[in-house]
Amino acid sequence: MPYHGSKKQSYMGENPYSTKPENYKAHMWCFKNNIFITPRETGYKERKWFLEIQLGSKTFTSPESYGPGDIWEKMYEFYKYYYNKYAKQL
């Protein structure tokens, strides 16, 4: 029987937000300005994540956790928030 790829769903879900030009621009701007946003698991195999936001030497954690359908959307919302807030100031 030929191999047709894995039918298993991606653990964190698909990330359709990274290919949108406005998201990419905000993400790259944040990266170049030492603003990093990373998903961090809430616990072992829970399929929920907090977003860890590093602004220079300070690290913050999102107050809510997000599931596989929401994590990527929320991450890019934060990227756009910081881009819109700080891009004109720097």
PDB file of N, CA and C in Angstrom:
ATOM      1  N   MET A   1       0.851  -1.188   0.000  1.00  0.00           N
ATOM      2  CA  MET A   1       0.000   0.000   0.000  1.00  0.00           C
ATOM      3  C   MET A   1       0.892   1.246   0.000  1.00  0.00           C
ATOM      4  N   PRO A   2       0.656   2.170  -0.915  1.00  0.00           N
ATOM      5  CA  PRO A   2       1.498   3.377  -0.982  1.00  0.00           C
ATOM      6  C   PRO A   2       1.279   4.287   0.225  1.00  0.00           C
ATOM      7  N   TYR A   3       2.320   5.004   0.546  1.00  0.00           N
ATOM      8  CA  TYR A   3       2.279   5.951   1.657  1.00  0.00           C
ATOM      9  C   TYR A   3       1.646   7.260   1.181  1.00  0.00           C
ATOM     10  N   HIS A   4       0.613   7.717   1.878  1.00  0.00           N
ATOM     11  CA  HIS A   4      -0.083   8.960   1.512  1.00  0.00           C
ATOM     12  C   HIS A   4       0.080  10.038   2.567  1.00  0.00           C
ATOM     13  N   GLY A   5       1.122   9.955   3.348  1.00  0.00           N
ATOM     14  CA  GLY A   5       1.339  10.949   4.393  1.00  0.00           C
ATOM     15  C   GLY A   5       0.565  10.597   5.648  1.00  0.00           C
ATOM     16  N   SER A   6       0.876  11.282   6.683  1.00  0.00           N
ATOM     17  CA  SER A   6       0.237  11.030   7.973  1.00  0.00           C
ATOM     18  C   SER A   6      -1.145  11.649   8.022  1.00  0.00           C
ATOM     19  N   LYS A   7      -2.097  10.922   8.537  1.00  0.00           N
ATOM     20  CA  LYS A   7      -3.434  11.459   8.719  1.00  0.00           C
ATOM     21  C   LYS A   7      -3.587  12.064  10.116  1.00  0.00           C
ATOM     22  N   LYS A   8      -2.543  11.938  10.925  1.00  0.00           N
ATOM     23  CA  LYS A   8      -2.566  12.490  12.268  1.00  0.00           C
ATOM     24  C   LYS A   8      -2.589  14.017  12.198  1.00  0.00           C
ATOM     25  N   GLN A   9      -3.459  14.622  12.999  1.00  0.00           N
ATOM     26  CA  GLN A   9      -3.562  16.082  13.022  1.00  0.00           C
ATOM     27  C   GLN A   9      -2.335  16.679  13.700  1.00  0.00           C
ATOM     28  N   SER A  10      -1.877  17.803  13.201  1.00  0.00           N
ATOM     29  CA  SER A  10      -0.755  18.504  13.803  1.00  0.00           C
ATOM     30  C   SER A  10      -1.076  18.838  15.254  1.00  0.00           C
ATOM     31  N   TYR A  11      -0.122  18.624  16.136  1.00  0.00           N
ATOM     32  CA  TYR A  11      -0.348  18.796  17.567  1.00  0.00           C
ATOM     33  C   TYR A  11      -0.805  20.214  17.915  1.00  0.00           C
ATOM     34  N   MET A  12      -0.209  21.207  17.278  1.00  0.00           N
ATOM     35  CA  MET A  12      -0.568  22.596  17.566  1.00  0.00           C
ATOM     36  C   MET A  12      -1.529  23.168  16.533  1.00  0.00           C
ATOM     37  N   GLY A  13      -1.926  22.388  15.577  1.00  0.00           N
ATOM     38  CA  GLY A  13      -2.795  22.897  14.529  1.00  0.00           C
ATOM     39  C   GLY A  13      -1.979  23.570  13.438  1.00  0.00           C
ATOM     40  N   GLU A  14      -2.616  23.859  12.353  1.00  0.00           N
ATOM     41  CA  GLU A  14      -1.949  24.520  11.233  1.00  0.00           C
ATOM     42  C   GLU A  14      -1.755  26.002  11.536  1.00  0.00           C
ATOM     43  N   ASN A  15      -0.742  26.598  10.909  1.00  0.00           N
ATOM     44  CA  ASN A  15      -0.453  28.011  11.102  1.00  0.00           C
ATOM     45  C   ASN A  15      -0.687  28.749   9.781  1.00  0.00           C
ATOM     46  N   PRO A  16      -1.937  29.115   9.507  1.00  0.00           N
ATOM     47  CA  PRO A  16      -2.216  29.824   8.258  1.00  0.00           C
ATOM     48  C   PRO A  16      -1.859  31.313   8.330  1.00  0.00           C
ATOM     49  N   TYR A  17      -1.500  31.815   9.495  1.00  0.00           N
ATOM     50  CA  TYR A  17      -1.281  33.248   9.687  1.00  0.00           C
ATOM     51  C   TYR A  17       0.110  33.708   9.264  1.00  0.00           C
ATOM     52  N   SER A  18       1.070  32.802   9.220  1.00  0.00           N
ATOM     53  CA  SER A  18       2.451  33.207   8.931  1.00  0.00           C
ATOM     54  C   SER A  18       2.657  33.650   7.488  1.00  0.00           C
ATOM     55  N   THR A  19       1.771  33.280   6.586  1.00  0.00           N
ATOM     56  CA  THR A  19       1.967  33.613   5.182  1.00  0.00           C
ATOM     57  C   THR A  19       1.323  34.937   4.765  1.00  0.00           C
ATOM     58  N   LYS A  20       0.541  35.528   5.637  1.00  0.00           N
ATOM     59  CA  LYS A  20      -0.081  36.811   5.300  1.00  0.00           C
ATOM     60  C   LYS A  20       0.971  37.912   5.385  1.00  0.00           C
ATOM     61  N   PRO A  21       1.082  38.753   4.355  1.00  0.00           N
ATOM     62  CA  PRO A  21       2.140  39.774   4.327  1.00  0.00           C
ATOM     63  C   PRO A  21       2.179  40.691   5.545  1.00  0.00           C
ATOM     64  N   GLU A  22       1.023  41.137   6.024  1.00  0.00           N
ATOM     65  CA  GLU A  22       1.027  42.040   7.185  1.00  0.00           C
ATOM     66  C   GLU A  22       1.506  41.329   8.443  1.00  0.00           C
ATOM     67  N   ASN A  23       1.215  40.039   8.574  1.00  0.00           N
ATOM     68  CA  ASN A  23       1.696  39.271   9.724  1.00  0.00           C
ATOM     69  C   ASN A  23       3.201  39.047   9.639  1.00  0.00           C
ATOM     70  N   TYR A  24       3.665  38.719   8.441  1.00  0.00           N
ATOM     71  CA  TYR A  24       5.090  38.498   8.240  1.00  0.00           C
ATOM     72  C   TYR A  24       5.881  39.771   8.541  1.00  0.00           C
ATOM     73  N   LYS A  25       5.384  40.899   8.076  1.00  0.00           N
ATOM     74  CA  LYS A  25       6.060  42.184   8.313  1.00  0.00           C
ATOM     75  C   LYS A  25       6.161  42.479   9.807  1.00  0.00           C
ATOM     76  N   ALA A  26       5.059  42.289  10.540  1.00  0.00           N
ATOM     77  CA  ALA A  26       5.063  42.530  11.989  1.00  0.00           C
ATOM     78  C   ALA A  26       5.989  41.551  12.701  1.00  0.00           C
ATOM     79  N   HIS A  27       5.964  40.284  12.292  1.00  0.00           N
ATOM     80  CA  HIS A  27       6.815  39.264  12.911  1.00  0.00           C
ATOM     81  C   HIS A  27       8.289  39.599  12.714  1.00  0.00           C
ATOM     82  N   MET A  28       8.683  39.926  11.494  1.00  0.00           N
ATOM     83  CA  MET A  28      10.081  40.247  11.210  1.00  0.00           C
ATOM     84  C   MET A  28      10.523  41.523  11.922  1.00  0.00           C
ATOM     85  N   TRP A  29       9.643  42.522  11.995  1.00  0.00           N
ATOM     86  CA  TRP A  29       9.987  43.745  12.707  1.00  0.00           C
ATOM     87  C   TRP A  29      10.241  43.430  14.174  1.00  0.00           C
ATOM     88  N   CYS A  30       9.365  42.639  14.785  1.00  0.00           N
ATOM     89  CA  CYS A  30       9.536  42.269  16.193  1.00  0.00           C
ATOM     90  C   CYS A  30      10.838  41.499  16.391  1.00  0.00           C
ATOM     91  N   PHE A  31      11.100  40.540  15.516  1.00  0.00           N
ATOM     92  CA  PHE A  31      12.319  39.753  15.608  1.00  0.00           C
ATOM     93  C   PHE A  31      13.558  40.642  15.569  1.00  0.00           C
ATOM     94  N   LYS A  32      13.592  41.585  14.648  1.00  0.00           N
ATOM     95  CA  LYS A  32      14.738  42.488  14.506  1.00  0.00           C
ATOM     96  C   LYS A  32      14.876  43.441  15.684  1.00  0.00           C
ATOM     97  N   ASN A  33      13.790  43.637  16.439  1.00  0.00           N
ATOM     98  CA  ASN A  33      13.804  44.561  17.574  1.00  0.00           C
ATOM     99  C   ASN A  33      13.708  43.844  18.914  1.00  0.00           C
ATOM    100  N   ASN A  34      14.153  42.592  18.938  1.00  0.00           N
ATOM    101  CA  ASN A  34      14.240  41.796  20.169  1.00  0.00           C
ATOM    102  C   ASN A  34      12.908  41.635  20.891  1.00  0.00           C
ATOM    103  N   ILE A  35      11.855  41.414  20.133  1.00  0.00           N
ATOM    104  CA  ILE A  35      10.546  41.075  20.694  1.00  0.00           C
ATOM    105  C   ILE A  35      10.217  39.682  20.169  1.00  0.00           C
ATOM    106  N   PHE A  36      10.161  38.725  21.088  1.00  0.00           N
ATOM    107  CA  PHE A  36       9.944  37.334  20.707  1.00  0.00           C
ATOM    108  C   PHE A  36       8.689  36.810  21.381  1.00  0.00           C
ATOM    109  N   ILE A  37       7.882  36.076  20.638  1.00  0.00           N
ATOM    110  CA  ILE A  37       6.645  35.503  21.162  1.00  0.00           C
ATOM    111  C   ILE A  37       6.672  34.012  20.872  1.00  0.00           C
ATOM    112  N   THR A  38       6.584  33.220  21.926  1.00  0.00           N
ATOM    113  CA  THR A  38       6.743  31.779  21.804  1.00  0.00           C
ATOM    114  C   THR A  38       5.629  31.046  22.532  1.00  0.00           C
ATOM    115  N   PRO A  39       5.005  30.052  21.904  1.00  0.00           N
ATOM    116  CA  PRO A  39       4.030  29.228  22.619  1.00  0.00           C
ATOM    117  C   PRO A  39       4.738  28.356  23.661  1.00  0.00           C
ATOM    118  N   ARG A  40       4.147  28.235  24.842  1.00  0.00           N
ATOM    119  CA  ARG A  40       4.683  27.382  25.911  1.00  0.00           C
ATOM    120  C   ARG A  40       3.547  26.512  26.438  1.00  0.00           C
ATOM    121  N   GLU A  41       3.740  25.231  26.437  1.00  0.00           N
ATOM    122  CA  GLU A  41       2.703  24.293  26.867  1.00  0.00           C
ATOM    123  C   GLU A  41       2.264  24.552  28.303  1.00  0.00           C
ATOM    124  N   THR A  42       0.963  24.407  28.554  1.00  0.00           N
ATOM    125  CA  THR A  42       0.460  24.571  29.920  1.00  0.00           C
ATOM    126  C   THR A  42       0.781  23.356  30.764  1.00  0.00           C
ATOM    127  N   GLY A  43       0.855  22.217  30.156  1.00  0.00           N
ATOM    128  CA  GLY A  43       1.167  20.981  30.868  1.00  0.00           C
ATOM    129  C   GLY A  43       1.352  19.852  29.885  1.00  0.00           C
ATOM    130  N   TYR A  44       1.701  18.719  30.382  1.00  0.00           N
ATOM    131  CA  TYR A  44       2.004  17.561  29.544  1.00  0.00           C
ATOM    132  C   TYR A  44       0.765  17.087  28.797  1.00  0.00           C
ATOM    133  N   LYS A  45       0.819  17.122  27.471  1.00  0.00           N
ATOM    134  CA  LYS A  45      -0.232  16.642  26.571  1.00  0.00           C
ATOM    135  C   LYS A  45      -1.606  17.262  26.802  1.00  0.00           C
ATOM    136  N   GLU A  46      -1.646  18.515  27.203  1.00  0.00           N
ATOM    137  CA  GLU A  46      -2.928  19.187  27.404  1.00  0.00           C
ATOM    138  C   GLU A  46      -3.457  19.850  26.147  1.00  0.00           C
ATOM    139  N   ARG A  47      -2.615  20.066  25.152  1.00  0.00           N
ATOM    140  CA  ARG A  47      -2.969  20.773  23.919  1.00  0.00           C
ATOM    141  C   ARG A  47      -3.505  22.178  24.188  1.00  0.00           C
ATOM    142  N   LYS A  48      -2.887  22.841  25.144  1.00  0.00           N
ATOM    143  CA  LYS A  48      -3.156  24.247  25.451  1.00  0.00           C
ATOM    144  C   LYS A  48      -1.805  24.911  25.679  1.00  0.00           C
ATOM    145  N   TRP A  49      -1.711  26.176  25.257  1.00  0.00           N
ATOM    146  CA  TRP A  49      -0.450  26.891  25.359  1.00  0.00           C
ATOM    147  C   TRP A  49      -0.672  28.303  25.885  1.00  0.00           C
ATOM    148  N   PHE A  50       0.303  28.768  26.656  1.00  0.00           N
ATOM    149  CA  PHE A  50       0.416  30.177  26.997  1.00  0.00           C
ATOM    150  C   PHE A  50       1.339  30.792  25.954  1.00  0.00           C
ATOM    151  N   LEU A  51       1.269  32.087  25.790  1.00  0.00           N
ATOM    152  CA  LEU A  51       2.238  32.774  24.942  1.00  0.00           C
ATOM    153  C   LEU A  51       3.236  33.469  25.849  1.00  0.00           C
ATOM    154  N   GLU A  52       4.490  33.182  25.637  1.00  0.00           N
ATOM    155  CA  GLU A  52       5.561  33.817  26.390  1.00  0.00           C
ATOM    156  C   GLU A  52       6.097  34.943  25.533  1.00  0.00           C
ATOM    157  N   ILE A  53       6.074  36.144  26.066  1.00  0.00           N
ATOM    158  CA  ILE A  53       6.462  37.336  25.316  1.00  0.00           C
ATOM    159  C   ILE A  53       7.728  37.908  25.943  1.00  0.00           C
ATOM    160  N   GLN A  54       8.777  37.977  25.140  1.00  0.00           N
ATOM    161  CA  GLN A  54      10.043  38.512  25.613  1.00  0.00           C
ATOM    162  C   GLN A  54      10.273  39.865  24.958  1.00  0.00           C
ATOM    163  N   LEU A  55      10.317  40.899  25.791  1.00  0.00           N
ATOM    164  CA  LEU A  55      10.582  42.264  25.328  1.00  0.00           C
ATOM    165  C   LEU A  55      11.949  42.649  25.859  1.00  0.00           C
ATOM    166  N   GLY A  56      12.955  42.528  25.022  1.00  0.00           N
ATOM    167  CA  GLY A  56      14.311  42.802  25.486  1.00  0.00           C
ATOM    168  C   GLY A  56      14.689  41.791  26.560  1.00  0.00           C
ATOM    169  N   SER A  57      14.970  42.271  27.774  1.00  0.00           N
ATOM    170  CA  SER A  57      15.360  41.376  28.864  1.00  0.00           C
ATOM    171  C   SER A  57      14.186  40.986  29.764  1.00  0.00           C
ATOM    172  N   LYS A  58      12.995  41.492  29.497  1.00  0.00           N
ATOM    173  CA  LYS A  58      11.822  41.170  30.312  1.00  0.00           C
ATOM    174  C   LYS A  58      10.967  40.114  29.621  1.00  0.00           C
ATOM    175  N   THR A  59      10.424  39.195  30.413  1.00  0.00           N
ATOM    176  CA  THR A  59       9.575  38.135  29.879  1.00  0.00           C
ATOM    177  C   THR A  59       8.230  38.172  30.574  1.00  0.00           C
ATOM    178  N   PHE A  60       7.183  38.087  29.777  1.00  0.00           N
ATOM    179  CA  PHE A  60       5.810  38.083  30.272  1.00  0.00           C
ATOM    180  C   PHE A  60       5.094  36.852  29.730  1.00  0.00           C
ATOM    181  N   THR A  61       4.054  36.420  30.447  1.00  0.00           N
ATOM    182  CA  THR A  61       3.242  35.299  30.001  1.00  0.00           C
ATOM    183  C   THR A  61       1.813  35.770  29.830  1.00  0.00           C
ATOM    184  N   SER A  62       1.177  35.330  28.750  1.00  0.00           N
ATOM    185  CA  SER A  62      -0.213  35.713  28.511  1.00  0.00           C
ATOM    186  C   SER A  62      -1.087  35.223  29.667  1.00  0.00           C
ATOM    187  N   PRO A  63      -2.107  35.970  30.024  1.00  0.00           N
ATOM    188  CA  PRO A  63      -2.967  35.570  31.136  1.00  0.00           C
ATOM    189  C   PRO A  63      -3.842  34.367  30.802  1.00  0.00           C
ATOM    190  N   GLU A  64      -4.117  34.165  29.525  1.00  0.00           N
ATOM    191  CA  GLU A  64      -4.961  33.047  29.097  1.00  0.00           C
ATOM    192  C   GLU A  64      -4.126  32.002  28.379  1.00  0.00           C
ATOM    193  N   SER A  65      -4.639  30.782  28.338  1.00  0.00           N
ATOM    194  CA  SER A  65      -4.035  29.753  27.502  1.00  0.00           C
ATOM    195  C   SER A  65      -4.930  29.562  26.286  1.00  0.00           C
ATOM    196  N   TYR A  66      -4.337  29.043  25.220  1.00  0.00           N
ATOM    197  CA  TYR A  66      -5.048  28.933  23.948  1.00  0.00           C
ATOM    198  C   TYR A  66      -4.911  27.521  23.404  1.00  0.00           C
ATOM    199  N   GLY A  67      -5.953  27.066  22.722  1.00  0.00           N
ATOM    200  CA  GLY A  67      -5.959  25.744  22.106  1.00  0.00           C
ATOM    201  C   GLY A  67      -5.358  25.775  20.722  1.00  0.00           C
ATOM    202  N   PRO A  68      -5.325  24.603  20.056  1.00  0.00           N
ATOM    203  CA  PRO A  68      -4.694  24.520  18.741  1.00  0.00           C
ATOM    204  C   PRO A  68      -5.346  25.391  17.677  1.00  0.00           C
ATOM    205  N   GLY A  69      -6.606  25.673  17.783  1.00  0.00           N
ATOM    206  CA  GLY A  69      -7.254  26.517  16.790  1.00  0.00           C
ATOM    207  C   GLY A  69      -7.022  27.995  16.985  1.00  0.00           C
ATOM    208  N   ASP A  70      -6.584  28.391  18.176  1.00  0.00           N
ATOM    209  CA  ASP A  70      -6.450  29.811  18.523  1.00  0.00           C
ATOM    210  C   ASP A  70      -5.016  30.301  18.719  1.00  0.00           C
ATOM    211  N   ILE A  71      -4.095  29.401  18.974  1.00  0.00           N
ATOM    212  CA  ILE A  71      -2.752  29.813  19.389  1.00  0.00           C
ATOM    213  C   ILE A  71      -2.048  30.667  18.345  1.00  0.00           C
ATOM    214  N   TRP A  72      -2.120  30.259  17.081  1.00  0.00           N
ATOM    215  CA  TRP A  72      -1.401  31.010  16.034  1.00  0.00           C
ATOM    216  C   TRP A  72      -2.041  32.367  15.787  1.00  0.00           C
ATOM    217  N   GLU A  73      -3.360  32.406  15.775  1.00  0.00           N
ATOM    218  CA  GLU A  73      -4.056  33.679  15.571  1.00  0.00           C
ATOM    219  C   GLU A  73      -3.683  34.665  16.664  1.00  0.00           C
ATOM    220  N   LYS A  74      -3.672  34.213  17.913  1.00  0.00           N
ATOM    221  CA  LYS A  74      -3.355  35.086  19.037  1.00  0.00           C
ATOM    222  C   LYS A  74      -1.900  35.539  18.987  1.00  0.00           C
ATOM    223  N   MET A  75      -1.004  34.635  18.590  1.00  0.00           N
ATOM    224  CA  MET A  75       0.408  34.984  18.515  1.00  0.00           C
ATOM    225  C   MET A  75       0.621  36.134  17.528  1.00  0.00           C
ATOM    226  N   TYR A  76      -0.019  36.059  16.369  1.00  0.00           N
ATOM    227  CA  TYR A  76       0.140  37.122  15.377  1.00  0.00           C
ATOM    228  C   TYR A  76      -0.612  38.391  15.765  1.00  0.00           C
ATOM    229  N   GLU A  77      -1.654  38.278  16.566  1.00  0.00           N
ATOM    230  CA  GLU A  77      -2.292  39.479  17.121  1.00  0.00           C
ATOM    231  C   GLU A  77      -1.312  40.229  18.009  1.00  0.00           C
ATOM    232  N   PHE A  78      -0.553  39.486  18.822  1.00  0.00           N
ATOM    233  CA  PHE A  78       0.458  40.119  19.673  1.00  0.00           C
ATOM    234  C   PHE A  78       1.568  40.736  18.834  1.00  0.00           C
ATOM    235  N   TYR A  79       2.039  40.028  17.812  1.00  0.00           N
ATOM    236  CA  TYR A  79       3.067  40.603  16.932  1.00  0.00           C
ATOM    237  C   TYR A  79       2.591  41.919  16.341  1.00  0.00           C
ATOM    238  N   LYS A  80       1.377  41.955  15.829  1.00  0.00           N
ATOM    239  CA  LYS A  80       0.848  43.182  15.226  1.00  0.00           C
ATOM    240  C   LYS A  80       0.648  44.276  16.277  1.00  0.00           C
ATOM    241  N   TYR A  81       0.251  43.879  17.484  1.00  0.00           N
ATOM    242  CA  TYR A  81       0.078  44.854  18.557  1.00  0.00           C
ATOM    243  C   TYR A  81       1.403  45.563  18.846  1.00  0.00           C
ATOM    244  N   TYR A  82       2.474  44.786  19.044  1.00  0.00           N
ATOM    245  CA  TYR A  82       3.768  45.391  19.362  1.00  0.00           C
ATOM    246  C   TYR A  82       4.341  46.166  18.178  1.00  0.00           C
ATOM    247  N   TYR A  83       4.135  45.669  16.982  1.00  0.00           N
ATOM    248  CA  TYR A  83       4.579  46.400  15.799  1.00  0.00           C
ATOM    249  C   TYR A  83       3.881  47.757  15.712  1.00  0.00           C
ATOM    250  N   ASN A  84       2.562  47.770  15.851  1.00  0.00           N
ATOM    251  CA  ASN A  84       1.811  49.022  15.777  1.00  0.00           C
ATOM    252  C   ASN A  84       2.134  49.958  16.940  1.00  0.00           C
ATOM    253  N   LYS A  85       2.426  49.417  18.080  1.00  0.00           N
ATOM    254  CA  LYS A  85       2.721  50.236  19.252  1.00  0.00           C
ATOM    255  C   LYS A  85       4.106  50.874  19.199  1.00  0.00           C
ATOM    256  N   TYR A  86       5.111  50.116  18.767  1.00  0.00           N
ATOM    257  CA  TYR A  86       6.494  50.580  18.876  1.00  0.00           C
ATOM    258  C   TYR A  86       7.185  50.946  17.566  1.00  0.00           C
ATOM    259  N   ALA A  87       6.691  50.512  16.426  1.00  0.00           N
ATOM    260  CA  ALA A  87       7.412  50.720  15.168  1.00  0.00           C
ATOM    261  C   ALA A  87       7.669  52.189  14.863  1.00  0.00           C
ATOM    262  N   LYS A  88       6.751  53.047  15.198  1.00  0.00           N
ATOM    263  CA  LYS A  88       6.925  54.472  14.895  1.00  0.00           C
ATOM    264  C   LYS A  88       7.763  55.185  15.945  1.00  0.00           C
ATOM    265  N   GLN A  89       7.917  54.563  17.109  1.00  0.00           N
ATOM    266  CA  GLN A  89       8.691  55.183  18.183  1.00  0.00           C
ATOM    267  C   GLN A  89      10.187  54.945  18.037  1.00  0.00           C
ATOM    268  N   LEU A  90      10.548  53.822  17.400  1.00  0.00           N
ATOM    269  CA  LEU A  90      11.970  53.472  17.309  1.00  0.00           C
ATOM    270  C   LEU A  90      12.625  54.060  16.097  1.00  0.00           C
TER     271      LEU A  90
END
